C-alpha cells in the first residue's frame, strides 16, 4: 500500500500536481486496502504534494477504513453533514494555500462533485490522474495474482456446478440460482458481474439476459460468470451442447476453439495487444463467420472485471509481464445460438498462464 502511495506521490511531483482527489471505490481500495461500496455517499482520498493525506468516508465505515490499514487521518461524516465542508476544513488545517493544479479521475467524478471540489480550488488547473492509475494497476503484484488465481479457481467450480444442474426442462434462472448458491456456500465475496446462463438460440446474444427458457435436447448451453475473492475478479465462459449436436454447431465450436488457442499461443511480453484480436478474428473471418464476431477479443481484469487495457485490434500497446486479461472469441448465430470460450490470462516472464483451468474441448452433456 505504501509503495503505491509513494508512486502516486512521485507522479504528483513530476507533474507539478498540488492535490489529487481519488473518488472511485476501486482506486481507493487499490491505494488504501479499504474495500467498500458507498452507494450514493461520498468517499474520497486526498493526497497533497506537501502535506499529509487523508480519507473522508461515511462515519459508519470509519472503523473499517482504519482496520484496512490506513495510517493517516480518517474523517467520518454523518448523513446530515456536508462532507465538502469537512474536506475544506481539513485542507485549511494543513495550510494548503497555493494550489495551481488539481488531479482527479475524469471519467468517475460526477459533474456535481467536480464542481464542489473545484469550488475549494477555484483558480486551479485540472488534470486527469486516470492514466497514471491505469498504468499502475495494469501490472499485478504477487498478492494480486494470488487473489485472481483463487477467484479463477472458484469460477472453474461454478462451471462444474452449472453442468451438474442441467436436466431437460430446467430453466436458465434455476441453473443460475444453483450456481450462485453453491458459490456463496464456498464463501465467495460476490459475483463479479451478473451471471449468464443461456440456452439454445439465446446463446446467440453475446450479452443475453437469462430468463425462463427451458433446456431441451440439441441446445447450446453458455455459461459466463465470475466471482470476487479478496477484492479481485475472475471471468470465464464455457459453451456446451445438451444431448445431441448438429454439424453446424460442431463446426462453429471448433472454429472458436481454434481461434482462442491461437490467440493464447501468441501471448508473451512484447507482443502488440491488438495482434491477439487480429489472430482470432482472422481465423473466424476466414471460416466465413467474421460478421458474427462483434466484440473485441478481451479486456483487462483485476479489481474491476473490465478494466484497462481494452484488448481490441486497434490497441498498439505491448503485453508486459504481470498483465492479467481475458481472451474470449465468439461466434453468435441468431437461429441456433452461439459459442464463446473465455479464459483469464496472466503474462509471465516468457509467455502466459491461463488462470481458468476448466477444460474446453467440446462436451456434449448427457
Protein backbone atom coordinates (compact mmCIF):
# COMPACT_ATOMS: atom_id res chain seq x y z
CA UNK A 1 0.00 0.00 0.00
CA UNK A 2 2.74 2.45 0.96
CA UNK A 3 4.65 1.69 -2.23
CA UNK A 4 1.61 2.57 -4.33
CA UNK A 5 1.07 5.82 -2.46
CA UNK A 6 4.73 6.65 -3.00
CA UNK A 7 4.40 6.03 -6.74
CA UNK A 8 1.45 8.37 -6.92
CA UNK A 9 3.25 10.96 -4.82
CA UNK A 10 6.26 10.85 -7.16
CA UNK A 11 3.94 11.32 -10.15
CA UNK A 12 2.44 14.38 -8.47
CA UNK A 13 5.89 15.86 -8.05
CA UNK A 14 6.84 15.11 -11.67
CA UNK A 15 3.62 16.65 -12.98
CA UNK A 16 3.56 19.61 -10.58
CA UNK A 17 0.22 18.44 -9.19
CA UNK A 18 -0.57 20.02 -5.83
CA UNK A 19 -3.68 17.98 -4.89
CA UNK A 20 -5.05 14.66 -6.11
CA UNK A 21 -8.60 13.59 -5.31
CA UNK A 22 -9.41 9.87 -5.67
CA UNK A 23 -13.12 9.07 -5.66
CA UNK A 24 -13.66 5.61 -7.15
CA UNK A 25 -14.09 2.73 -4.75
CA UNK A 26 -11.74 0.61 -6.88
CA UNK A 27 -8.83 3.04 -6.79
CA UNK A 28 -9.38 3.75 -3.11
CA UNK A 29 -9.17 0.01 -2.47
CA UNK A 30 -6.02 -0.21 -4.60
CA UNK A 31 -4.30 2.62 -2.73
CA UNK A 32 -5.58 2.07 0.83
CA UNK A 33 -6.84 -1.55 1.06
CA UNK A 34 -10.22 -0.14 2.17
CA UNK A 35 -12.93 -2.03 0.25
CA UNK A 36 -16.44 -0.62 0.36
CA UNK A 37 -19.49 0.18 -1.72
CA UNK A 38 -20.60 3.65 -0.59
CA UNK A 39 -23.70 3.70 -2.81
CA UNK A 40 -24.68 7.37 -3.15
CA UNK A 41 -22.42 8.55 -0.33
CA UNK A 42 -19.09 10.23 -0.94
CA UNK A 43 -15.78 8.53 -0.25
CA UNK A 44 -12.54 10.21 -1.10
CA UNK A 45 -8.79 10.08 -0.73
CA UNK A 46 -6.98 13.42 -0.89
CA UNK A 47 -3.23 13.49 -1.45
CA UNK A 48 -1.05 16.58 -1.32
CA UNK A 49 2.40 17.30 -2.66
CA UNK A 50 3.45 18.95 0.60
CA UNK A 51 1.01 17.76 3.28
CA UNK A 52 -0.33 14.62 4.92
CA UNK A 53 -3.07 12.78 3.00
CA UNK A 54 -6.49 12.00 4.45
CA UNK A 55 -9.58 9.96 3.67
CA UNK A 56 -13.20 11.02 4.03
CA UNK A 57 -15.77 8.25 4.47
CA UNK A 58 -19.25 7.81 5.92
CA UNK A 59 -18.89 7.69 9.71
CA UNK A 60 -20.42 4.20 9.80
CA UNK A 61 -17.40 2.93 7.83
CA UNK A 62 -14.60 4.81 9.63
CA UNK A 63 -13.50 1.80 11.66
CA UNK A 64 -13.38 -0.39 8.54
CA UNK A 65 -11.09 2.12 6.83
CA UNK A 66 -8.80 2.11 9.86
CA UNK A 67 -8.82 -1.68 10.15
CA UNK A 68 -7.88 -1.94 6.47
CA UNK A 69 -4.52 -0.41 7.39
CA UNK A 70 -4.85 3.30 6.60
CA UNK A 71 -2.41 5.08 8.92
CA UNK A 72 -3.30 8.69 8.19
CA UNK A 73 -6.31 10.79 9.17
CA UNK A 74 -9.79 9.42 8.52
CA UNK A 75 -12.65 11.91 8.54
CA UNK A 76 -16.02 10.31 9.14
CA UNK A 77 -19.22 12.19 8.39
CA UNK A 78 -22.85 11.59 9.28
CA UNK A 79 -25.67 11.69 6.76
CA UNK A 80 -26.81 15.12 7.93
CA UNK A 81 -23.35 16.64 7.39
CA UNK A 82 -21.91 18.15 4.21
CA UNK A 83 -18.67 16.22 3.55
CA UNK A 84 -17.29 19.00 1.34
CA UNK A 85 -17.32 21.40 4.27
CA UNK A 86 -15.30 18.86 6.27
CA UNK A 87 -12.89 18.44 3.36
CA UNK A 88 -12.39 22.21 3.16
CA UNK A 89 -11.66 22.43 6.89
CA UNK A 90 -9.16 19.55 6.70
CA UNK A 91 -7.34 21.28 3.84
CA UNK A 92 -7.25 24.58 5.75
CA UNK A 93 -5.83 22.74 8.77
CA UNK A 94 -2.99 21.52 6.57
CA UNK A 95 -2.24 25.09 5.50
CA UNK A 96 -2.52 24.17 1.81
CA UNK A 97 -2.93 27.69 0.44
CA UNK A 98 -1.34 27.67 -3.03
CA UNK A 99 -2.95 25.12 -5.34
CA UNK A 100 -2.23 25.57 -9.03
CA UNK A 101 -3.00 22.07 -10.31
CA UNK A 102 -5.60 19.51 -9.16
CA UNK A 103 -5.88 15.94 -10.45
CA UNK A 104 -8.91 13.66 -10.30
CA UNK A 105 -10.47 10.70 -12.15
CA UNK A 106 -12.17 12.40 -15.08
CA UNK A 107 -14.48 9.52 -16.02
CA UNK A 108 -15.50 8.80 -12.41
CA UNK A 109 -16.13 12.10 -10.66
CA UNK A 110 -19.65 13.39 -11.32
CA UNK A 111 -20.25 16.91 -12.57
CA UNK A 112 -21.80 17.95 -9.26
CA UNK A 113 -18.91 16.61 -7.20
CA UNK A 114 -16.34 18.11 -9.54
CA UNK A 115 -17.98 21.49 -9.01
CA UNK A 116 -17.82 21.01 -5.24
CA UNK A 117 -14.15 20.10 -5.45
CA UNK A 118 -13.27 23.00 -7.73
CA UNK A 119 -15.15 25.46 -5.53
CA UNK A 120 -12.40 24.76 -2.97
CA UNK A 121 -9.64 25.21 -5.58
CA UNK A 122 -11.28 27.84 -7.75
CA UNK A 123 -8.14 29.00 -9.58
CA UNK A 124 -6.53 25.62 -10.13
CA UNK A 125 -5.84 23.91 -13.45
CA UNK A 126 -7.45 20.48 -13.74
CA UNK A 127 -5.67 17.33 -14.98
CA UNK A 128 -6.54 13.62 -15.00
CA UNK A 129 -4.87 11.02 -12.81
CA UNK A 130 -6.54 8.08 -14.58
CA UNK A 131 -3.73 7.25 -16.98
CA UNK A 132 -1.26 7.03 -14.10
CA UNK A 133 -3.56 4.82 -12.03
CA UNK A 134 -4.35 2.59 -15.03
CA UNK A 135 -0.65 2.09 -15.70
CA UNK A 136 -0.04 1.25 -12.05
CA UNK A 137 -2.93 -1.19 -11.82
CA UNK A 138 -2.27 -2.96 -15.13
CA UNK A 139 0.78 -4.76 -13.69
CA UNK A 140 -0.32 -7.07 -10.89
CA UNK A 141 1.93 -7.93 -7.97
CA UNK A 142 2.19 -11.41 -6.47
CA UNK A 143 -0.53 -10.79 -3.89
CA UNK A 144 -2.95 -9.57 -6.55
CA UNK A 145 -2.15 -12.52 -8.81
CA UNK A 146 -2.78 -14.96 -5.97
CA UNK A 147 -6.18 -13.40 -5.30
CA UNK A 148 -7.12 -13.59 -9.00
CA UNK A 149 -5.89 -17.18 -9.08
CA UNK A 150 -8.26 -18.04 -6.23
CA UNK A 151 -11.13 -16.26 -7.98
CA UNK A 152 -10.40 -18.16 -11.20
CA UNK A 153 -10.46 -21.47 -9.35
CA UNK A 154 -13.89 -20.62 -7.97
CA UNK A 155 -15.09 -19.66 -11.45
CA UNK A 156 -14.00 -23.11 -12.66
CA UNK A 157 -16.02 -24.61 -9.84
CA UNK A 158 -19.05 -22.57 -10.87
CA UNK A 159 -18.92 -24.05 -14.38
CA UNK A 160 -18.98 -27.57 -12.96
CA UNK A 161 -21.92 -26.69 -10.72
CA UNK A 162 -23.76 -25.40 -13.78
CA UNK A 163 -23.12 -28.59 -15.75
CA UNK A 164 -24.25 -30.76 -12.86
CA UNK A 165 -27.52 -28.82 -12.63
CA UNK A 166 -28.53 -29.43 -16.24
CA UNK A 167 -31.59 -31.55 -16.92
CA UNK A 168 -34.29 -31.40 -19.55
CA UNK A 169 -36.92 -28.78 -18.75
CA UNK A 170 -34.88 -26.81 -16.22
CA UNK A 171 -34.82 -23.04 -16.77
CA UNK A 172 -31.87 -20.72 -17.18
CA UNK A 173 -32.78 -18.93 -13.96
CA UNK A 174 -32.95 -22.18 -12.00
CA UNK A 175 -29.44 -23.15 -13.11
CA UNK A 176 -28.18 -19.64 -12.41
CA UNK A 177 -29.61 -19.72 -8.89
CA UNK A 178 -27.94 -23.07 -8.21
CA UNK A 179 -24.55 -21.78 -9.38
CA UNK A 180 -24.65 -18.67 -7.22
CA UNK A 181 -26.00 -20.52 -4.19
CA UNK A 182 -23.23 -23.12 -4.32
CA UNK A 183 -20.56 -20.45 -4.81
CA UNK A 184 -21.87 -18.47 -1.84
CA UNK A 185 -21.65 -21.65 0.23
CA UNK A 186 -17.96 -21.78 -0.68
CA UNK A 187 -17.54 -18.32 0.84
CA UNK A 188 -17.08 -16.15 -2.25
CA UNK A 189 -17.45 -12.42 -1.67
CA UNK A 190 -19.78 -11.72 -4.59
CA UNK A 191 -20.20 -12.35 -8.29
CA UNK A 192 -18.03 -10.04 -10.38
CA UNK A 193 -20.94 -9.36 -12.78
CA UNK A 194 -24.43 -10.67 -13.48
CA UNK A 195 -24.11 -14.39 -14.20
CA UNK A 196 -25.18 -15.53 -17.66
CA UNK A 197 -26.82 -18.90 -18.28
CA UNK A 198 -28.21 -19.03 -21.82
CA UNK A 199 -29.89 -21.94 -23.62
CA UNK A 200 -30.34 -22.62 -27.32
CA UNK A 201 -30.89 -19.62 -29.58
CA UNK A 202 -30.44 -17.27 -26.59
CA UNK A 203 -26.73 -18.14 -26.50
CA UNK A 204 -26.56 -16.26 -29.80
CA UNK A 205 -26.83 -12.99 -27.86
CA UNK A 206 -23.34 -12.01 -26.63
CA UNK A 207 -24.83 -10.22 -23.61
CA UNK A 208 -28.08 -12.15 -23.31
CA UNK A 209 -30.38 -12.00 -20.31
CA UNK A 210 -31.15 -15.27 -18.52
CA UNK A 211 -34.83 -15.97 -18.07
CA UNK A 212 -37.26 -18.87 -18.12
CA UNK A 213 -36.20 -20.53 -21.34
CA UNK A 214 -36.29 -24.30 -20.68
CA UNK A 215 -33.46 -26.63 -21.64
CA UNK A 216 -34.10 -29.11 -24.42
CA UNK A 217 -32.10 -31.61 -26.42
CA UNK A 218 -29.80 -30.05 -29.02
CA UNK A 219 -29.40 -26.74 -27.19
CA UNK A 220 -26.19 -24.86 -26.81
CA UNK A 221 -25.62 -24.05 -23.13
CA UNK A 222 -23.49 -20.98 -22.49
CA UNK A 223 -22.17 -20.10 -19.02
CA UNK A 224 -20.46 -16.74 -18.44
CA UNK A 225 -19.60 -15.95 -14.84
CA UNK A 226 -17.01 -14.63 -12.43
CA UNK A 227 -16.51 -14.15 -8.73
CA UNK A 228 -14.75 -11.69 -6.43
CA UNK A 229 -12.17 -13.04 -3.99
CA UNK A 230 -10.21 -10.68 -1.72
CA UNK A 231 -11.36 -7.77 -3.87
CA UNK A 232 -10.24 -9.28 -7.22
CA UNK A 233 -12.33 -10.65 -10.08
CA UNK A 234 -12.42 -13.63 -12.39
CA UNK A 235 -14.35 -14.12 -15.64
CA UNK A 236 -14.91 -17.38 -17.50
CA UNK A 237 -17.11 -18.51 -20.37
CA UNK A 238 -17.69 -22.08 -21.46
CA UNK A 239 -20.19 -23.41 -24.01
CA UNK A 240 -21.63 -26.92 -24.10
CA UNK A 241 -24.23 -28.84 -26.09
CA UNK A 242 -27.06 -30.74 -24.44
CA UNK A 243 -27.51 -34.40 -25.51
CA UNK A 244 -27.16 -34.05 -29.30
CA UNK A 245 -25.24 -31.81 -31.70
CA UNK A 246 -25.66 -30.67 -35.31
CA UNK A 247 -22.84 -30.41 -37.81
CA UNK A 248 -23.02 -26.60 -37.82
CA UNK A 249 -22.86 -26.47 -34.01
CA UNK A 250 -19.78 -28.66 -34.06
CA UNK A 251 -18.25 -26.56 -36.84
CA UNK A 252 -18.60 -23.20 -35.09
CA UNK A 253 -17.41 -24.66 -31.79
CA UNK A 254 -14.25 -25.95 -33.44
CA UNK A 255 -13.62 -22.58 -35.11
CA UNK A 256 -13.98 -20.64 -31.86
CA UNK A 257 -11.73 -23.08 -30.01
CA UNK A 258 -9.10 -22.84 -32.75
CA UNK A 259 -9.26 -19.03 -32.58
CA UNK A 260 -8.94 -18.96 -28.81
CA UNK A 261 -5.98 -21.34 -28.73
CA UNK A 262 -4.18 -19.42 -31.47
CA UNK A 263 -4.64 -16.11 -29.66
CA UNK A 264 -3.45 -17.65 -26.40
CA UNK A 265 -0.33 -19.06 -28.01
CA UNK A 266 0.67 -15.56 -29.10
CA UNK A 267 0.57 -14.22 -25.53
CA UNK A 268 4.02 -13.19 -24.31
CA UNK A 269 5.80 -10.00 -23.28
CA UNK A 270 6.41 -7.56 -26.14
CA UNK A 271 3.52 -8.70 -28.34
CA UNK A 272 1.20 -5.97 -29.61
CA UNK A 273 -2.15 -6.24 -27.80
CA UNK A 274 -4.14 -5.66 -30.99
CA UNK A 275 -2.49 -8.65 -32.64
CA UNK A 276 -4.24 -11.01 -30.21
CA UNK A 277 -7.58 -9.80 -31.53
CA UNK A 278 -6.44 -9.95 -35.14
CA UNK A 279 -5.17 -13.52 -34.84
CA UNK A 280 -8.51 -14.82 -33.59
CA UNK A 281 -10.56 -12.58 -35.87
CA UNK A 282 -8.69 -13.71 -38.97
CA UNK A 283 -9.40 -17.36 -38.20
CA UNK A 284 -13.10 -16.70 -37.65
CA UNK A 285 -13.32 -14.46 -40.74
CA UNK A 286 -11.52 -16.96 -42.97
CA UNK A 287 -14.03 -19.60 -41.86
CA UNK A 288 -16.86 -17.35 -43.06
CA UNK A 289 -18.15 -16.09 -39.70
CA UNK A 290 -16.39 -12.73 -39.38
CA UNK A 291 -19.68 -10.82 -39.25
CA UNK A 292 -20.76 -12.94 -36.30
CA UNK A 293 -17.85 -11.99 -34.01
CA UNK A 294 -18.98 -8.48 -32.94
CA UNK A 295 -16.79 -7.76 -29.91
CA UNK A 296 -13.11 -7.35 -29.01
CA UNK A 297 -11.00 -10.35 -28.04
CA UNK A 298 -10.98 -9.43 -24.34
CA UNK A 299 -10.35 -6.90 -21.61
CA UNK A 300 -8.05 -6.22 -18.70
CA UNK A 301 -9.15 -7.61 -15.35
CA UNK A 302 -8.34 -7.15 -11.68
CA UNK A 303 -10.24 -5.11 -9.11
CA UNK A 304 -12.77 -4.46 -11.89
CA UNK A 305 -13.90 -7.30 -14.10
CA UNK A 306 -13.48 -4.92 -17.05
CA UNK A 307 -10.51 -2.61 -16.73
CA UNK A 308 -7.54 -1.24 -18.66
CA UNK A 309 -6.45 -2.25 -21.26
CA UNK A 310 -9.11 -2.76 -23.92
CA UNK A 311 -7.97 -5.78 -25.96
CA UNK A 312 -9.17 -4.54 -29.35
CA UNK A 313 -7.40 -4.81 -32.69
CA UNK A 314 -6.53 -1.09 -32.68
CA UNK A 315 -4.56 -1.24 -29.41
CA UNK A 316 -0.86 -0.70 -30.14
CA UNK A 317 0.31 -1.17 -26.55
CA UNK A 318 2.60 -4.12 -25.81
CA UNK A 319 2.00 -7.01 -23.42
CA UNK A 320 4.04 -6.86 -20.22
CA UNK A 321 4.82 -9.38 -17.52
CA UNK A 322 2.20 -9.17 -14.79
CA UNK A 323 -0.73 -8.18 -17.01
CA UNK A 324 -3.99 -10.08 -16.47
CA UNK A 325 -6.74 -10.07 -19.10
CA UNK A 326 -9.31 -12.24 -20.86
CA UNK A 327 -9.19 -13.94 -24.23
CA UNK A 328 -12.77 -14.64 -25.41
CA UNK A 329 -13.56 -15.08 -29.11
CA UNK A 330 -17.09 -15.99 -30.10
CA UNK A 331 -19.48 -16.72 -32.95
CA UNK A 332 -23.16 -15.86 -32.49
CA UNK A 333 -25.95 -17.06 -34.77
CA UNK A 334 -29.49 -15.89 -34.05
CA UNK A 335 -31.17 -19.14 -35.09
CA UNK A 336 -29.09 -21.88 -33.44
CA UNK A 337 -27.21 -19.89 -30.81
CA UNK A 338 -23.61 -19.04 -30.17
CA UNK A 339 -20.28 -20.20 -28.82
CA UNK A 340 -17.87 -18.21 -26.65
CA UNK A 341 -14.79 -19.63 -24.93
CA UNK A 342 -13.11 -17.33 -22.41
CA UNK A 343 -10.08 -17.65 -20.18
CA UNK A 344 -8.28 -15.40 -17.71
CA UNK A 345 -4.66 -14.98 -18.79
CA UNK A 346 -1.54 -13.92 -16.90
CA UNK A 347 1.51 -12.75 -18.82
CA UNK A 348 4.60 -14.40 -17.38
CA UNK A 349 8.30 -13.73 -17.96
CA UNK A 350 8.48 -15.98 -21.01
CA UNK A 351 4.86 -16.48 -22.05
CA UNK A 352 1.49 -16.87 -20.41
CA UNK A 353 -0.55 -18.87 -17.93
CA UNK A 354 -4.28 -19.48 -18.16
CA UNK A 355 -5.65 -18.96 -14.64
CA UNK A 356 -9.00 -20.50 -15.53
CA UNK A 357 -8.38 -24.21 -15.96
CA UNK A 358 -11.76 -25.75 -16.86
CA UNK A 359 -11.28 -27.94 -19.91
CA UNK A 360 -12.61 -26.56 -23.20
CA UNK A 361 -12.71 -29.44 -25.62
CA UNK A 362 -16.25 -29.86 -26.94
CA UNK A 363 -18.51 -31.58 -24.40
CA UNK A 364 -21.94 -32.99 -25.11
CA UNK A 365 -23.75 -33.11 -21.78
CA UNK A 366 -25.91 -36.21 -21.40
